Protein backbone atom coordinates (compact mmCIF):
# COMPACT_ATOMS: atom_id res chain seq x y z
CA MET A 1 -28.49 -8.09 -25.48
CA GLY A 2 -31.17 -6.03 -23.88
CA ALA A 3 -30.89 -2.89 -21.97
CA GLY A 4 -31.20 -4.80 -18.69
CA ASP A 5 -28.42 -6.88 -19.50
CA PHE A 6 -26.16 -3.81 -20.73
CA GLU A 7 -26.92 -1.60 -17.76
CA SER A 8 -26.03 -4.41 -15.08
CA ARG A 9 -22.54 -4.05 -16.52
CA TRP A 10 -22.60 -0.21 -15.48
CA LEU A 11 -22.60 0.99 -11.70
CA ALA A 12 -25.91 2.35 -10.77
CA PRO A 13 -25.00 6.32 -11.20
CA ASP A 14 -25.10 7.26 -7.04
CA VAL A 15 -22.59 3.81 -6.48
CA ASN A 16 -20.36 5.07 -9.14
CA ALA A 17 -20.55 8.75 -7.94
CA VAL A 18 -19.02 7.36 -4.62
CA TRP A 19 -16.60 4.52 -6.19
CA THR A 20 -15.57 7.99 -8.31
CA ARG A 21 -15.10 10.33 -5.11
CA PHE A 22 -13.60 7.19 -3.06
CA LEU A 23 -10.44 6.89 -6.08
CA HIS A 24 -10.69 10.57 -6.45
CA VAL A 25 -9.91 11.22 -2.83
CA THR A 26 -7.68 8.06 -2.19
CA HIS A 27 -5.57 9.21 -5.50
CA ARG A 28 -5.24 12.96 -4.06
CA LEU A 29 -4.55 12.26 -0.38
CA GLU A 30 -1.55 9.68 -1.86
CA HIS A 31 -0.17 12.45 -4.44
CA HIS A 32 0.00 14.84 -1.51
CA ILE A 33 2.12 12.71 0.72
CA ASP A 34 4.00 11.82 -2.08
CA ARG A 35 4.94 15.50 -3.23
CA ARG A 36 6.07 16.35 -0.05
CA LEU A 37 8.15 13.42 0.91
CA GLN A 38 10.12 13.97 -2.83
CA GLU A 39 10.39 17.80 -1.96
CA GLN A 40 11.28 17.72 1.66
CA HIS A 41 12.89 14.33 1.99
CA ASP A 42 13.91 13.28 -1.67
CA ILE A 43 11.89 9.58 -1.57
CA THR A 44 8.42 8.93 -2.72
CA HIS A 45 5.82 7.64 -0.59
CA THR A 46 6.59 4.36 -1.36
CA GLN A 47 10.42 4.13 -0.44
CA TYR A 48 9.13 5.34 2.62
CA GLU A 49 6.89 2.54 2.96
CA ILE A 50 10.02 -0.01 1.88
CA LEU A 51 12.33 2.00 4.72
CA VAL A 52 9.18 1.27 7.35
CA ARG A 53 8.33 -2.32 6.58
CA LEU A 54 12.39 -2.80 6.89
CA ALA A 55 13.02 -0.69 9.99
CA ASP A 56 10.04 -2.77 11.42
CA SER A 57 11.35 -6.22 10.62
CA ASP A 58 13.94 -8.90 12.31
CA GLU A 59 17.86 -7.15 11.99
CA ARG A 60 15.92 -4.48 9.46
CA ALA A 61 15.83 -6.90 6.47
CA MET A 62 13.66 -8.48 4.64
CA ARG A 63 13.71 -10.61 1.18
CA MET A 64 12.69 -8.84 -1.52
CA SER A 65 9.64 -11.26 -2.74
CA ASP A 66 8.49 -10.58 1.15
CA LEU A 67 8.61 -6.73 1.35
CA ALA A 68 6.45 -6.77 -1.87
CA GLU A 69 3.89 -8.69 -0.71
CA ARG A 70 4.04 -6.48 2.29
CA ILE A 71 3.86 -3.34 0.93
CA VAL A 72 1.68 -5.02 -1.69
CA THR A 73 2.86 -3.93 -5.66
CA ALA A 74 4.62 -6.47 -7.66
CA LYS A 75 8.30 -7.68 -7.32
CA SER A 76 9.47 -5.93 -10.13
CA ALA A 77 7.73 -2.34 -9.04
CA VAL A 78 10.01 -3.68 -5.56
CA THR A 79 12.70 -4.25 -7.28
CA TYR A 80 12.81 -0.59 -9.27
CA GLN A 81 12.74 1.45 -6.09
CA VAL A 82 14.77 -0.98 -3.71
CA ASN A 83 17.87 -0.11 -6.60
CA LYS A 84 16.81 3.86 -5.97
CA LEU A 85 16.87 3.28 -2.43
CA SER A 86 20.82 1.42 -2.78
CA GLU A 87 21.68 4.53 -5.18
CA MET A 88 20.73 6.57 -2.31
CA GLY A 89 22.73 4.60 -0.33
CA LEU A 90 19.65 3.82 2.04
CA VAL A 91 19.68 -0.14 1.63
CA ASP A 92 21.73 -2.86 0.48
CA ARG A 93 20.71 -5.83 -1.23
CA HIS A 94 22.87 -9.04 -0.60
CA LYS A 95 22.29 -12.72 -2.05
CA CYS A 96 20.40 -15.18 0.14
CA ASP A 97 22.83 -17.17 1.90
CA ARG A 98 20.48 -20.33 1.81
CA ASP A 99 18.87 -19.49 -1.32
CA ASN A 100 20.55 -18.30 -4.75
CA ARG A 101 17.64 -17.09 -6.46
CA GLY A 102 16.51 -14.85 -3.09
CA VAL A 103 17.37 -11.68 -2.51
CA TRP A 104 17.91 -9.60 1.10
CA VAL A 105 17.05 -5.73 1.36
CA LYS A 106 18.89 -4.64 4.27
CA LEU A 107 17.79 -1.02 5.73
CA THR A 108 21.32 1.27 6.60
CA ASP A 109 22.08 3.47 9.33
CA ALA A 110 21.69 6.01 6.62
CA GLY A 111 18.14 4.60 5.73
CA VAL A 112 17.32 4.84 9.34
CA GLU A 113 18.41 8.26 9.74
CA ARG A 114 16.52 9.59 6.73
CA LEU A 115 12.77 7.39 7.72
CA GLU A 116 13.34 9.02 11.07
CA GLY A 117 13.50 12.36 9.39
CA ALA A 118 10.90 12.20 7.04
CA ALA A 119 8.58 10.39 9.24
CA PRO A 120 7.07 13.72 11.54
CA CYS A 121 6.12 14.96 7.56
CA ILE A 122 4.51 11.49 7.49
CA LEU A 123 2.70 11.91 10.82
CA SER A 124 2.02 15.70 10.17
CA LEU A 125 -0.17 14.87 6.71
CA VAL A 126 -2.15 12.23 7.84
CA ARG A 127 -3.10 14.28 10.47
CA GLU A 128 -3.99 17.40 8.40
CA LEU A 129 -5.29 15.52 5.46
CA PHE A 130 -7.20 12.32 7.34
CA LEU A 131 -7.13 12.16 10.64
CA ASP A 132 -8.56 15.86 11.64
CA THR A 133 -10.90 15.97 9.29
CA LEU A 134 -12.89 12.74 11.36
CA ASN A 135 -14.90 12.95 14.42
CA CYS A 136 -14.70 9.79 16.64
CA ASP A 137 -17.84 7.76 15.37
CA GLN A 138 -16.72 8.63 11.80
CA ALA A 139 -13.55 7.06 12.78
CA ALA A 140 -15.26 4.22 14.03
CA GLU A 141 -16.93 3.81 11.00
CA LEU A 142 -14.34 4.53 8.61
CA ASP A 143 -12.59 1.42 10.42
CA LYS A 144 -15.84 -1.00 10.79
CA LEU A 145 -15.78 0.13 6.81
CA LEU A 146 -11.92 -0.47 6.21
CA GLY A 147 -12.39 -3.79 8.14
CA THR A 148 -15.55 -5.09 5.82
CA TRP A 149 -13.57 -4.14 2.43
CA SER A 150 -10.21 -6.00 3.83
CA ASP A 151 -12.11 -9.06 5.21
CA ASN A 152 -13.49 -9.43 1.93
CA LEU A 153 -9.93 -8.91 -0.03
CA ASP A 154 -8.66 -11.30 2.22
CA GLU A 155 -11.58 -13.87 1.04
CA HIS A 156 -10.71 -13.10 -2.76
CA ASP A 157 -7.39 -13.68 -1.97
CA ARG A 158 -7.67 -17.29 -0.64
CA ASN A 159 -10.63 -18.29 -2.85
CA PRO A 160 -9.64 -15.16 -6.27
CA ILE A 161 -13.09 -14.67 -9.34
CA GLY A 162 -12.61 -17.15 -11.99
CA HIS A 163 -10.46 -19.79 -9.89
CA PRO A 164 -12.11 -22.84 -9.95
CA ASP A 165 -12.04 -22.72 -6.31
CA HIS A 166 -14.13 -19.59 -5.68
CA ARG A 167 -17.55 -19.66 -4.26
CA ALA A 168 -20.47 -17.18 -5.22
CA PRO A 169 -21.69 -15.66 -2.15
CA ASP A 170 -24.60 -17.15 -0.85
CA PRO A 171 -28.07 -16.04 -0.98
CA ALA A 172 -29.39 -16.74 2.13
């Protein structure tokens, strides 16, 4: 393997710096939100996201598999978090009437109360740590970049790399 082959396996230093900074900033943002929610509302950010998705769904209930897909995490991770939320009385779990394999999760009144109490905390943090640091032009540019990344991820979800249907980008 020549030096060029080895080099092509790694990101260029300037690009790697951008990637590393992106990861660092997003992890720190997640850490701040998670810590504040735990300190003030005794729930994690993931648990908050579960409560939000349930509150936004019909009859405040969803199948566990749909919930995992909506918060973009493994079913086992959602099961763990839902078990914790159930122990706190914030959600109820029950078997699906039509499908014995399916499990439904329903937001309880106590869950709605916890969500409503935590929402101002999240909104304050999103403003303080994220939105207030951007001017209108930066926010528009970030929205454009996020749209580009989202579209790219959607394409990879449809045609994963290494999957027989994956098509290499057209060089033209």
